[in-house]
Amino acid sequence: MLKDILIVITGGKSGLGQTIAKKLHENLATVITTSRENPFNHNKIRLNAINHQYLDVTNADSVNKFFLWLSHQSLKPSVLINNAGIGIFKPIIEISLEEWNSIINTNLTGAFLCSKHAYKSMSKSGGGRIINIGSVVELAGIEDNAAYAASKSGLRAMSFVISQEGRTANVTSTHITLGAVYSDIWKNRAGFNKEDMLDIEHVSEIIRYIASLPFNIRIDNLEITPSTKIL
């Protein structure tokens, strides 16, 4: 049961993040989804509900402001789900430095900034879990994925270190190596079939289960893929 547990999901406005939020809310968790598209909400957090807040994970000041907003309400996240991510898929010789930095800043540096704040809070409140959403591109040399794969591989490495460092504070980190998940972004895109991808509801249910586990249960990595393994 997740009642009275505060869970923060970055990149939760749509797709997997939104579906995870709904699944957690079904179990009475207090959920905050974040997005750069949300206006900043100064209102008090509604307990056992889904709340929406502005957050730019690539901006250290924005991350500071978000966690300060939480602390002013005497609330500390028990679970952080680093879901915010972007991808630019082209050959490495065509990726500009600006595009490279944009992906690294969102997928890796953004997760670092949020994890750092969440870790500090969790270590003072009895523990917590950080869940990082990775990708199968970490494990295979898939063409046109150099920047995305680098960001997700870095996220995986950071996740393992967090679990090691968090042992005495009861803070653990779970990295989920995820295959293709069907959502609206795949609609009308040639060559991608819903039947070949993971069901977003099934993936969300697995993440909900991990979020509900006691923090002293350490799951460093979980690989979830469709039967085709890689599209």
Foldseek 3Di string as FASTA:
>chain_A
DQAPAEEEEEPQPDDLNVLLQVVLLVVQQQYEYEDCPDDADLDDGDGSDYHYGYADLLDLVRLVVVLVSQVVNVHAHQEYELDWFDFFFDAPVPQDPVNLCVRLSGLAVSLVSNCVSNLVRQLVVQEHEYEYEAECVCPDVDHRGVSNNVNRVNVLVVQLVCQVVCQVSLYHYEYEHEEAEDDPVCPPPPPDDNVQFHHSNVVSVVVSVVRPDRSNDYHSYHYDTGPVRYD
